[in-house]
């Protein structure tokens, strides 16, 4: 995961630090479309891999049950995600996407786009992570 973040940051730095006008922040329209295509392919690939993993885990679980392996060993081997993990992930992504939407709305009302727009987006995303932290902290105490 750290390698992916590092590589993404290295690739994004030239686009962010571009000293040209703000209208050409990313560059040519073809570059924007290419990046969008790569992002969509990545998301579709992750989706397909998660489906394949789920199906293979289920097949493995059924074969282990046919062989007579105890339920405890099967659960330890496959380590299924608990419903609370899924709930927490859903809450996290809801907060992040809601903050991005709110930040973009505020940026739209404070045109023209400038450095303050980056500050607004950073603050809104940071506040969403802060809200998620307090949600996890509160739900962990109960």
C-alpha atoms as a PDB file:
ATOM      1  CA  UNK A   1       0.000   0.000   0.000  1.00  0.00           C
ATOM      2  CA  UNK A   2       2.841   2.385   0.804  1.00  0.00           C
ATOM      3  CA  UNK A   3       4.382   1.736  -2.606  1.00  0.00           C
ATOM      4  CA  UNK A   4       1.121   2.614  -4.339  1.00  0.00           C
ATOM      5  CA  UNK A   5       0.793   5.869  -2.413  1.00  0.00           C
ATOM      6  CA  UNK A   6       4.422   6.764  -3.106  1.00  0.00           C
ATOM      7  CA  UNK A   7       4.178   6.029  -6.822  1.00  0.00           C
ATOM      8  CA  UNK A   8       0.897   7.937  -7.105  1.00  0.00           C
ATOM      9  CA  UNK A   9       2.415  10.910  -5.307  1.00  0.00           C
ATOM     10  CA  UNK A  10       5.479  10.905  -7.549  1.00  0.00           C
ATOM     11  CA  UNK A  11       3.297  10.791 -10.646  1.00  0.00           C
ATOM     12  CA  UNK A  12       0.956  13.526  -9.363  1.00  0.00           C
ATOM     13  CA  UNK A  13       3.638  16.021  -8.270  1.00  0.00           C
ATOM     14  CA  UNK A  14       4.365  17.388 -11.782  1.00  0.00           C
ATOM     15  CA  UNK A  15       0.660  17.962 -12.388  1.00  0.00           C
ATOM     16  CA  UNK A  16       0.154  19.726  -9.070  1.00  0.00           C
ATOM     17  CA  UNK A  17       3.283  21.846  -9.278  1.00  0.00           C
ATOM     18  CA  UNK A  18       2.607  22.961 -12.842  1.00  0.00           C
ATOM     19  CA  UNK A  19       3.431  26.692 -13.063  1.00  0.00           C
ATOM     20  CA  UNK A  20       1.054  27.339 -15.938  1.00  0.00           C
ATOM     21  CA  UNK A  21      -2.372  28.909 -15.715  1.00  0.00           C
ATOM     22  CA  UNK A  22      -5.019  27.188 -13.640  1.00  0.00           C
ATOM     23  CA  UNK A  23      -7.106  26.390 -16.709  1.00  0.00           C
ATOM     24  CA  UNK A  24      -4.443  23.937 -17.881  1.00  0.00           C
ATOM     25  CA  UNK A  25      -3.609  22.361 -14.526  1.00  0.00           C
ATOM     26  CA  UNK A  26      -3.565  18.795 -15.810  1.00  0.00           C
ATOM     27  CA  UNK A  27      -2.468  19.590 -19.316  1.00  0.00           C
ATOM     28  CA  UNK A  28      -3.759  18.268 -22.565  1.00  0.00           C
ATOM     29  CA  UNK A  29      -7.301  16.910 -22.745  1.00  0.00           C
ATOM     30  CA  UNK A  30      -5.905  13.564 -23.872  1.00  0.00           C
ATOM     31  CA  UNK A  31      -3.900  13.257 -20.671  1.00  0.00           C
ATOM     32  CA  UNK A  32      -7.034  13.860 -18.598  1.00  0.00           C
ATOM     33  CA  UNK A  33      -8.938  11.211 -20.494  1.00  0.00           C
ATOM     34  CA  UNK A  34      -6.040   8.783 -20.214  1.00  0.00           C
ATOM     35  CA  UNK A  35      -5.862   9.250 -16.452  1.00  0.00           C
ATOM     36  CA  UNK A  36      -9.620   8.792 -16.206  1.00  0.00           C
ATOM     37  CA  UNK A  37      -9.459   5.570 -18.228  1.00  0.00           C
ATOM     38  CA  UNK A  38      -6.661   4.225 -16.006  1.00  0.00           C
ATOM     39  CA  UNK A  39      -8.650   5.098 -12.878  1.00  0.00           C
ATOM     40  CA  UNK A  40     -11.776   3.395 -14.188  1.00  0.00           C
ATOM     41  CA  UNK A  41      -9.806   0.297 -15.206  1.00  0.00           C
ATOM     42  CA  UNK A  42      -8.238   0.165 -11.731  1.00  0.00           C
ATOM     43  CA  UNK A  43     -11.624   0.406  -9.993  1.00  0.00           C
ATOM     44  CA  UNK A  44     -13.190  -2.239 -12.231  1.00  0.00           C
ATOM     45  CA  UNK A  45     -10.172  -4.508 -11.682  1.00  0.00           C
ATOM     46  CA  UNK A  46     -10.402  -4.194  -7.904  1.00  0.00           C
ATOM     47  CA  UNK A  47     -14.129  -4.923  -8.075  1.00  0.00           C
ATOM     48  CA  UNK A  48     -13.605  -8.056 -10.185  1.00  0.00           C
ATOM     49  CA  UNK A  49     -10.777  -9.265  -7.936  1.00  0.00           C
ATOM     50  CA  UNK A  50     -12.940  -8.855  -4.837  1.00  0.00           C
ATOM     51  CA  UNK A  51     -15.729 -10.871  -6.450  1.00  0.00           C
ATOM     52  CA  UNK A  52     -13.295 -13.631  -7.471  1.00  0.00           C
ATOM     53  CA  UNK A  53     -11.796 -13.691  -3.959  1.00  0.00           C
ATOM     54  CA  UNK A  54     -15.233 -14.004  -2.379  1.00  0.00           C
ATOM     55  CA  UNK A  55     -16.224 -16.854  -4.694  1.00  0.00           C
ATOM     56  CA  UNK A  56     -12.941 -18.720  -4.148  1.00  0.00           C
ATOM     57  CA  UNK A  57     -13.183 -18.314  -0.361  1.00  0.00           C
ATOM     58  CA  UNK A  58     -16.683 -19.783  -0.459  1.00  0.00           C
ATOM     59  CA  UNK A  59     -15.532 -22.743  -2.579  1.00  0.00           C
ATOM     60  CA  UNK A  60     -12.597 -23.355  -0.232  1.00  0.00           C
ATOM     61  CA  UNK A  61     -14.893 -23.189   2.782  1.00  0.00           C
ATOM     62  CA  UNK A  62     -17.276 -25.746   1.244  1.00  0.00           C
ATOM     63  CA  UNK A  63     -14.406 -28.121   0.382  1.00  0.00           C
ATOM     64  CA  UNK A  64     -13.028 -27.838   3.903  1.00  0.00           C
ATOM     65  CA  UNK A  65     -16.463 -28.639   5.311  1.00  0.00           C
ATOM     66  CA  UNK A  66     -16.713 -31.700   3.025  1.00  0.00           C
ATOM     67  CA  UNK A  67     -13.359 -32.935   4.324  1.00  0.00           C
ATOM     68  CA  UNK A  68     -14.643 -32.699   7.905  1.00  0.00           C
ATOM     69  CA  UNK A  69     -12.585 -29.789   9.178  1.00  0.00           C
ATOM     70  CA  UNK A  70     -14.087 -28.129  12.248  1.00  0.00           C
ATOM     71  CA  UNK A  71     -15.895 -24.800  11.955  1.00  0.00           C
ATOM     72  CA  UNK A  72     -13.396 -23.114  14.265  1.00  0.00           C
ATOM     73  CA  UNK A  73     -10.457 -23.999  12.005  1.00  0.00           C
ATOM     74  CA  UNK A  74     -12.356 -22.847   8.914  1.00  0.00           C
ATOM     75  CA  UNK A  75     -13.164 -19.495  10.531  1.00  0.00           C
ATOM     76  CA  UNK A  76      -9.566 -19.013  11.637  1.00  0.00           C
ATOM     77  CA  UNK A  77      -8.228 -19.964   8.214  1.00  0.00           C
ATOM     78  CA  UNK A  78     -10.478 -17.727   6.142  1.00  0.00           C
ATOM     79  CA  UNK A  79     -10.957 -14.959   8.752  1.00  0.00           C
ATOM     80  CA  UNK A  80     -14.197 -13.553   7.424  1.00  0.00           C
ATOM     81  CA  UNK A  81     -14.850  -9.860   7.815  1.00  0.00           C
ATOM     82  CA  UNK A  82     -17.240  -9.067  10.610  1.00  0.00           C
ATOM     83  CA  UNK A  83     -20.364  -7.003   9.989  1.00  0.00           C
ATOM     84  CA  UNK A  84     -18.900  -4.207  12.129  1.00  0.00           C
ATOM     85  CA  UNK A  85     -15.925  -3.945   9.750  1.00  0.00           C
ATOM     86  CA  UNK A  86     -18.266  -3.574   6.787  1.00  0.00           C
ATOM     87  CA  UNK A  87     -20.318  -1.009   8.707  1.00  0.00           C
ATOM     88  CA  UNK A  88     -17.226   0.975   9.632  1.00  0.00           C
ATOM     89  CA  UNK A  89     -15.944   0.929   6.048  1.00  0.00           C
ATOM     90  CA  UNK A  90     -19.320   2.133   4.792  1.00  0.00           C
ATOM     91  CA  UNK A  91     -19.378   4.958   7.327  1.00  0.00           C
ATOM     92  CA  UNK A  92     -15.802   5.919   6.442  1.00  0.00           C
ATOM     93  CA  UNK A  93     -16.479   6.142   2.710  1.00  0.00           C
ATOM     94  CA  UNK A  94     -19.754   7.975   3.301  1.00  0.00           C
ATOM     95  CA  UNK A  95     -17.985  10.604   5.400  1.00  0.00           C
ATOM     96  CA  UNK A  96     -15.139  11.002   2.917  1.00  0.00           C
ATOM     97  CA  UNK A  97     -17.391  11.306  -0.146  1.00  0.00           C
ATOM     98  CA  UNK A  98     -19.822  13.615   1.668  1.00  0.00           C
ATOM     99  CA  UNK A  99     -16.921  15.861   2.679  1.00  0.00           C
ATOM    100  CA  UNK A 100     -15.611  15.913  -0.889  1.00  0.00           C
ATOM    101  CA  UNK A 101     -19.085  16.864  -2.139  1.00  0.00           C
ATOM    102  CA  UNK A 102     -19.430  19.573   0.496  1.00  0.00           C
ATOM    103  CA  UNK A 103     -15.941  20.875  -0.271  1.00  0.00           C
ATOM    104  CA  UNK A 104     -16.645  21.036  -4.004  1.00  0.00           C
ATOM    105  CA  UNK A 105     -19.915  22.843  -3.312  1.00  0.00           C
ATOM    106  CA  UNK A 106     -18.117  25.444  -1.198  1.00  0.00           C
ATOM    107  CA  UNK A 107     -15.417  25.790  -3.874  1.00  0.00           C
ATOM    108  CA  UNK A 108     -18.141  26.379  -6.465  1.00  0.00           C
ATOM    109  CA  UNK A 109     -19.512  29.275  -4.412  1.00  0.00           C
ATOM    110  CA  UNK A 110     -16.049  30.819  -3.908  1.00  0.00           C
ATOM    111  CA  UNK A 111     -14.966  31.118  -7.533  1.00  0.00           C
ATOM    112  CA  UNK A 112     -12.424  31.738  -9.099  1.00  0.00           C
ATOM    113  CA  UNK A 113     -10.521  28.599  -8.296  1.00  0.00           C
ATOM    114  CA  UNK A 114      -7.275  29.294  -6.503  1.00  0.00           C
ATOM    115  CA  UNK A 115      -5.150  28.187  -3.596  1.00  0.00           C
ATOM    116  CA  UNK A 116      -8.080  28.738  -1.259  1.00  0.00           C
ATOM    117  CA  UNK A 117      -9.901  25.965  -3.116  1.00  0.00           C
ATOM    118  CA  UNK A 118      -7.159  23.504  -2.190  1.00  0.00           C
ATOM    119  CA  UNK A 119      -7.387  24.680   1.422  1.00  0.00           C
ATOM    120  CA  UNK A 120     -11.162  24.199   1.433  1.00  0.00           C
ATOM    121  CA  UNK A 121     -10.864  20.669   0.031  1.00  0.00           C
ATOM    122  CA  UNK A 122      -8.076  19.763   2.449  1.00  0.00           C
ATOM    123  CA  UNK A 123     -10.042  21.058   5.410  1.00  0.00           C
ATOM    124  CA  UNK A 124     -13.236  19.255   4.412  1.00  0.00           C
ATOM    125  CA  UNK A 125     -11.487  15.931   3.895  1.00  0.00           C
ATOM    126  CA  UNK A 126      -9.543  16.357   7.139  1.00  0.00           C
ATOM    127  CA  UNK A 127     -12.774  17.039   9.009  1.00  0.00           C
ATOM    128  CA  UNK A 128     -14.294  13.872   7.551  1.00  0.00           C
ATOM    129  CA  UNK A 129     -11.375  11.809   8.828  1.00  0.00           C
ATOM    130  CA  UNK A 130     -11.707  13.513  12.211  1.00  0.00           C
ATOM    131  CA  UNK A 131     -15.394  12.604  12.277  1.00  0.00           C
ATOM    132  CA  UNK A 132     -14.538   9.008  11.374  1.00  0.00           C
ATOM    133  CA  UNK A 133     -11.948   8.900  14.162  1.00  0.00           C
ATOM    134  CA  UNK A 134     -14.532  10.034  16.717  1.00  0.00           C
ATOM    135  CA  UNK A 135     -17.041   7.522  15.326  1.00  0.00           C
ATOM    136  CA  UNK A 136     -14.554   4.659  15.751  1.00  0.00           C
ATOM    137  CA  UNK A 137     -13.554   5.888  19.198  1.00  0.00           C
ATOM    138  CA  UNK A 138     -17.174   6.124  20.314  1.00  0.00           C
ATOM    139  CA  UNK A 139     -18.220   2.767  18.846  1.00  0.00           C
ATOM    140  CA  UNK A 140     -15.148   1.057  20.344  1.00  0.00           C
ATOM    141  CA  UNK A 141     -16.093   2.096  23.897  1.00  0.00           C
ATOM    142  CA  UNK A 142     -19.531   0.476  23.727  1.00  0.00           C
END
